[in-house]
Protein backbone atom coordinates (compact mmCIF):
# COMPACT_ATOMS: atom_id res chain seq x y z
CA MET A 1 30.64 30.27 -21.36
CA LYS A 2 31.80 27.33 -23.50
CA LYS A 3 32.21 23.90 -21.92
CA SER A 4 35.92 23.85 -22.78
CA VAL A 5 36.46 27.09 -20.85
CA ILE A 6 34.45 25.81 -17.87
CA ALA A 7 36.47 22.59 -17.84
CA ALA A 8 39.75 24.53 -17.95
CA VAL A 9 38.68 26.67 -14.99
CA LEU A 10 37.63 23.63 -12.98
CA LEU A 11 40.91 21.83 -13.73
CA CYS A 12 42.84 24.84 -12.46
CA PHE A 13 41.20 24.30 -9.09
CA GLY A 14 41.89 20.58 -9.15
CA VAL A 15 38.32 19.57 -10.00
CA GLN A 16 37.96 16.52 -12.24
CA PHE A 17 35.48 17.17 -15.06
CA SER A 18 33.88 14.75 -17.48
CA TYR A 19 31.23 14.93 -20.16
CA ALA A 20 30.52 11.20 -19.87
CA ASP A 21 27.28 11.82 -17.98
CA ASP A 22 26.05 14.21 -20.66
CA ALA A 23 26.93 11.71 -23.40
CA ASN A 24 25.18 8.87 -21.57
CA LEU A 25 22.08 10.95 -20.98
CA ALA A 26 21.98 11.84 -24.67
CA LYS A 27 22.14 8.14 -25.62
CA VAL A 28 19.34 7.30 -23.21
CA GLN A 29 17.17 10.16 -24.47
CA SER A 30 17.74 9.05 -28.05
CA THR A 31 16.70 5.50 -27.22
CA LEU A 32 13.55 6.65 -25.45
CA GLN A 33 12.59 8.97 -28.29
CA SER A 34 12.91 6.13 -30.79
CA LEU A 35 10.85 3.80 -28.59
CA MET A 36 8.16 6.35 -27.70
CA PRO A 37 8.14 9.10 -30.33
CA GLY A 38 6.16 12.18 -29.41
CA THR A 39 6.07 11.24 -25.72
CA LYS A 40 7.84 13.45 -23.21
CA ALA A 41 9.20 11.99 -19.99
CA ASP A 42 8.44 13.71 -16.70
CA SER A 43 12.02 13.05 -15.70
CA ILE A 44 15.13 11.18 -16.90
CA GLY A 45 18.15 10.69 -14.70
CA GLU A 46 20.59 8.25 -13.19
CA SER A 47 18.94 5.60 -11.05
CA VAL A 48 20.28 4.25 -7.76
CA ILE A 49 21.85 1.39 -9.73
CA PRO A 50 25.19 2.36 -11.33
CA GLY A 51 25.06 2.36 -15.12
CA ILE A 52 21.25 2.42 -15.25
CA TYR A 53 19.08 5.45 -16.02
CA GLU A 54 15.51 5.92 -14.85
CA ALA A 55 12.76 7.48 -16.97
CA VAL A 56 9.37 8.41 -15.51
CA TYR A 57 6.26 8.80 -17.65
CA GLY A 58 3.35 9.54 -15.34
CA ALA A 59 2.88 6.33 -13.37
CA GLN A 60 5.15 4.34 -15.68
CA VAL A 61 8.81 3.86 -14.76
CA ILE A 62 11.34 2.25 -17.09
CA TYR A 63 15.09 1.72 -16.85
CA VAL A 64 17.65 2.07 -19.64
CA SER A 65 21.33 1.14 -19.69
CA GLN A 66 23.67 4.12 -19.98
CA ASP A 67 24.71 3.09 -23.49
CA GLY A 68 21.06 3.18 -24.55
CA ARG A 69 21.10 -0.44 -25.68
CA PHE A 70 19.05 -2.22 -23.02
CA MET A 71 15.69 -1.40 -21.45
CA ILE A 72 14.26 -2.94 -18.28
CA GLU A 73 10.66 -2.88 -17.11
CA GLY A 74 10.33 -3.98 -13.51
CA ASP A 75 10.68 -2.94 -9.90
CA VAL A 76 13.83 -1.88 -8.08
CA TYR A 77 13.98 -2.73 -4.37
CA ASP A 78 16.26 -1.32 -1.70
CA ILE A 79 17.00 -4.57 0.13
CA ASP A 80 18.47 -2.92 3.22
CA ARG A 81 15.46 -0.67 3.70
CA ARG A 82 12.96 -3.22 2.29
CA VAL A 83 11.42 -0.53 0.12
CA ASN A 84 10.09 -0.77 -3.42
CA LEU A 85 11.68 2.33 -4.94
CA THR A 86 9.89 1.96 -8.27
CA GLU A 87 6.46 1.83 -6.66
CA GLY A 88 7.32 5.04 -4.84
CA LYS A 89 7.96 6.72 -8.20
CA ARG A 90 4.73 5.29 -9.61
CA GLN A 91 2.78 6.58 -6.63
CA ASP A 92 4.24 10.06 -7.12
CA GLY A 93 3.23 9.92 -10.80
CA ARG A 94 -0.30 8.80 -9.95
CA MET A 95 -0.60 11.57 -7.38
CA ARG A 96 0.37 14.19 -9.97
CA SER A 97 -2.09 12.77 -12.51
CA ILE A 98 -4.94 12.78 -10.00
CA GLN A 99 -4.09 16.32 -8.89
CA ASN A 100 -4.12 17.43 -12.54
CA LEU A 101 -7.71 16.29 -13.03
CA ASP A 102 -10.07 19.23 -13.39
CA THR A 103 -12.01 19.13 -10.11
CA GLU A 104 -14.94 20.92 -11.75
CA SER A 105 -15.29 18.03 -14.21
CA LEU A 106 -15.59 15.41 -11.46
CA ILE A 107 -18.89 14.40 -9.87
CA VAL A 108 -18.44 14.97 -6.16
CA PHE A 109 -20.44 13.49 -3.30
CA LYS A 110 -19.32 15.64 -0.40
CA PRO A 111 -19.88 15.04 3.32
CA LYS A 112 -20.73 17.78 5.81
CA GLU A 113 -17.14 17.63 7.04
CA THR A 114 -14.47 16.20 4.74
CA LYS A 115 -11.83 14.14 6.53
CA HIS A 116 -10.54 12.19 3.53
CA VAL A 117 -10.84 12.51 -0.25
CA ILE A 118 -11.09 9.55 -2.60
CA THR A 119 -11.04 9.79 -6.40
CA ALA A 120 -13.01 6.83 -7.74
CA PHE A 121 -12.81 5.79 -11.40
CA THR A 122 -16.23 4.35 -12.13
CA ASP A 123 -18.17 2.57 -14.87
CA ILE A 124 -21.93 3.17 -15.00
CA ASP A 125 -22.59 -0.52 -15.75
CA CYS A 126 -20.12 -1.99 -13.22
CA GLY A 127 -21.86 -4.08 -10.55
CA TYR A 128 -19.43 -3.29 -7.75
CA CYS A 129 -19.46 0.39 -8.73
CA ARG A 130 -23.23 0.33 -8.21
CA LYS A 131 -22.77 -1.41 -4.87
CA LEU A 132 -20.34 1.30 -3.78
CA HIS A 133 -22.69 4.05 -4.91
CA ALA A 134 -25.65 2.46 -3.13
CA GLU A 135 -23.66 3.03 0.07
CA ILE A 136 -22.50 6.55 -0.78
CA SER A 137 -24.20 7.98 2.30
CA ASP A 138 -22.18 5.58 4.50
CA TYR A 139 -18.93 6.99 3.10
CA ASN A 140 -20.14 10.57 3.49
CA ASP A 141 -21.33 9.94 7.06
CA LEU A 142 -17.76 8.94 7.96
CA GLY A 143 -16.33 12.10 6.37
CA ILE A 144 -15.12 10.46 3.13
CA GLU A 145 -15.57 12.62 0.06
CA ILE A 146 -16.05 10.61 -3.13
CA ARG A 147 -14.99 12.26 -6.40
CA TYR A 148 -16.13 10.28 -9.42
CA ALA A 149 -14.08 10.16 -12.63
CA ALA A 150 -15.36 8.29 -15.67
CA PHE A 151 -13.80 5.04 -16.86
CA PRO A 152 -16.22 3.18 -19.16
CA ARG A 153 -14.38 -0.14 -19.38
CA SER A 154 -15.81 -0.98 -22.81
CA GLY A 155 -13.99 2.04 -24.23
CA PRO A 156 -15.00 5.13 -26.23
CA LYS A 157 -18.05 5.17 -28.49
CA THR A 158 -19.81 2.34 -26.64
CA PRO A 159 -23.14 2.31 -24.75
CA SER A 160 -21.38 2.56 -21.36
CA TYR A 161 -19.32 5.46 -22.67
CA TYR A 162 -22.42 7.34 -23.82
CA LYS A 163 -24.12 6.63 -20.50
CA ALA A 164 -21.20 8.36 -18.79
CA VAL A 165 -21.38 11.25 -21.25
CA SER A 166 -25.11 11.64 -20.54
CA VAL A 167 -24.50 11.73 -16.78
CA TRP A 168 -21.68 14.25 -17.13
CA CYS A 169 -23.92 16.35 -19.43
CA ALA A 170 -26.80 16.50 -16.96
CA LYS A 171 -27.71 19.77 -15.28
CA ASP A 172 -27.76 17.96 -11.92
CA ARG A 173 -24.93 15.47 -12.33
CA ASN A 174 -25.25 14.00 -8.84
CA LYS A 175 -28.93 13.26 -9.41
CA ALA A 176 -28.11 11.82 -12.83
CA MET A 177 -25.43 9.60 -11.29
CA ASN A 178 -27.97 8.28 -8.78
CA PHE A 179 -30.36 7.60 -11.67
CA ALA A 180 -27.65 5.87 -13.74
CA LYS A 181 -26.38 3.72 -10.87
CA GLY A 182 -29.97 2.65 -10.28
CA GLY A 183 -29.98 0.91 -13.66
CA ALA A 184 -31.32 3.57 -16.01
CA LYS A 185 -31.04 2.78 -19.71
CA LEU A 186 -29.08 4.90 -22.19
CA GLU A 187 -32.23 6.39 -23.72
CA GLN A 188 -33.45 7.46 -20.28
CA LEU A 189 -30.11 9.02 -19.40
CA GLN A 190 -29.93 10.88 -22.68
CA GLN A 191 -33.21 12.56 -21.78
CA VAL A 192 -31.63 14.17 -18.71
CA ALA A 193 -28.51 15.33 -20.57
CA GLN A 194 -27.98 18.92 -21.66
CA VAL A 195 -27.39 18.52 -25.37
CA GLU A 196 -25.93 22.01 -25.75
CA ASN A 197 -23.06 21.02 -23.43
CA GLY A 198 -22.52 17.68 -25.13
CA LYS A 199 -19.12 18.44 -26.61
CA ALA A 200 -17.67 19.82 -23.38
CA CYS A 201 -18.82 16.93 -21.20
CA GLU A 202 -17.76 14.33 -23.76
CA GLU A 203 -14.29 15.91 -23.65
CA SER A 204 -14.35 15.58 -19.85
CA VAL A 205 -15.21 11.88 -20.06
CA GLY A 206 -12.52 11.38 -22.71
CA LYS A 207 -9.87 13.13 -20.59
CA GLN A 208 -10.80 11.15 -17.50
CA PHE A 209 -10.69 7.91 -19.48
CA ALA A 210 -7.21 8.85 -20.74
CA ALA A 211 -6.09 9.76 -17.20
CA ALA A 212 -7.30 6.37 -15.97
CA ARG A 213 -5.16 4.63 -18.56
CA GLU A 214 -2.22 6.83 -17.60
CA VAL A 215 -2.38 5.81 -13.94
CA GLY A 216 -2.91 2.13 -14.72
CA VAL A 217 -6.64 1.64 -14.16
CA THR A 218 -7.85 -1.62 -15.71
CA GLY A 219 -10.99 -2.34 -13.68
CA THR A 220 -13.65 -0.54 -11.70
CA PRO A 221 -14.10 0.75 -9.18
CA THR A 222 -10.50 1.83 -8.67
CA LEU A 223 -9.99 4.18 -5.75
CA PHE A 224 -7.12 6.62 -5.35
CA MET A 225 -5.99 8.22 -2.14
CA GLU A 226 -4.70 11.79 -2.25
CA ASN A 227 -1.09 10.53 -2.06
CA GLY A 228 -1.55 8.46 -5.24
CA GLN A 229 -1.91 5.11 -3.51
CA ILE A 230 -4.34 2.70 -5.17
CA ILE A 231 -7.14 0.86 -3.40
CA PRO A 232 -8.46 -1.60 -6.01
CA GLY A 233 -12.09 -2.63 -6.08
CA TYR A 234 -15.08 -2.10 -3.84
CA VAL A 235 -14.28 -1.48 -0.16
CA PRO A 236 -17.04 -1.02 2.48
CA ALA A 237 -17.12 2.39 4.12
CA ASP A 238 -15.92 1.31 7.57
CA ARG A 239 -13.02 -0.67 6.15
CA LEU A 240 -12.06 2.17 3.80
CA MET A 241 -12.09 4.60 6.74
CA LYS A 242 -9.76 2.29 8.65
CA ILE A 243 -7.35 2.14 5.69
CA LEU A 244 -7.38 5.91 5.27
CA SER A 245 -6.88 6.53 9.01
CA GLU A 246 -3.97 4.09 9.20
CA LYS A 247 -2.26 5.57 6.15
CA GLY A 248 -2.79 9.09 7.44
CA ALA A 249 -1.11 8.19 10.70
CA GLN A 250 2.05 6.87 9.00
């Protein structure tokens, strides 16, 4: 049914009808496409602020005026409720990105009984990442499952990147991670890698690196709770358990 016919029917029943919202949305979409060509938003819609639209790209949230002229990057707070609404959207986006990671491509250190799951973006050469891994049994003993995703901070095609690829290519990836976190050199790690699976595991490292960028990881270790909340940096096992227990009770 054409819009003109729908409008006529609605008017007969006393319903006011306007295409202003459609026109505004089209302007906003046009602006976003020109700013970020080839990128598709997870959602675009009116924000809680009149005249402002909200666009969500993973963990990134931006605001655009309804005429498509102005863009705002920042946080929106509900003063009455004292809630950061933008951070809530970011957290939802991070949660989706973490959930979309291929679990089979992660290196998992699993306790006998899992009470909490943490996804940890790690760099083989990061000092605090090594400190965390040296205490991996402490986390597991408390029921915290650690799922490692690769984030070589130096970027693709660097020694740290190829160390990660070698670990992810190993037949026993957990053993290789232990070896790597113990200070093994690239040449030593390459000896434990399965060369025939090199392309597949390099793709895994590349995808995890891209996912880290998508959710805003800039340093390591960066820990993610299952709800998308970030816990930046190294946290001792007992303190991490306290954080997870408190958040789970909310």
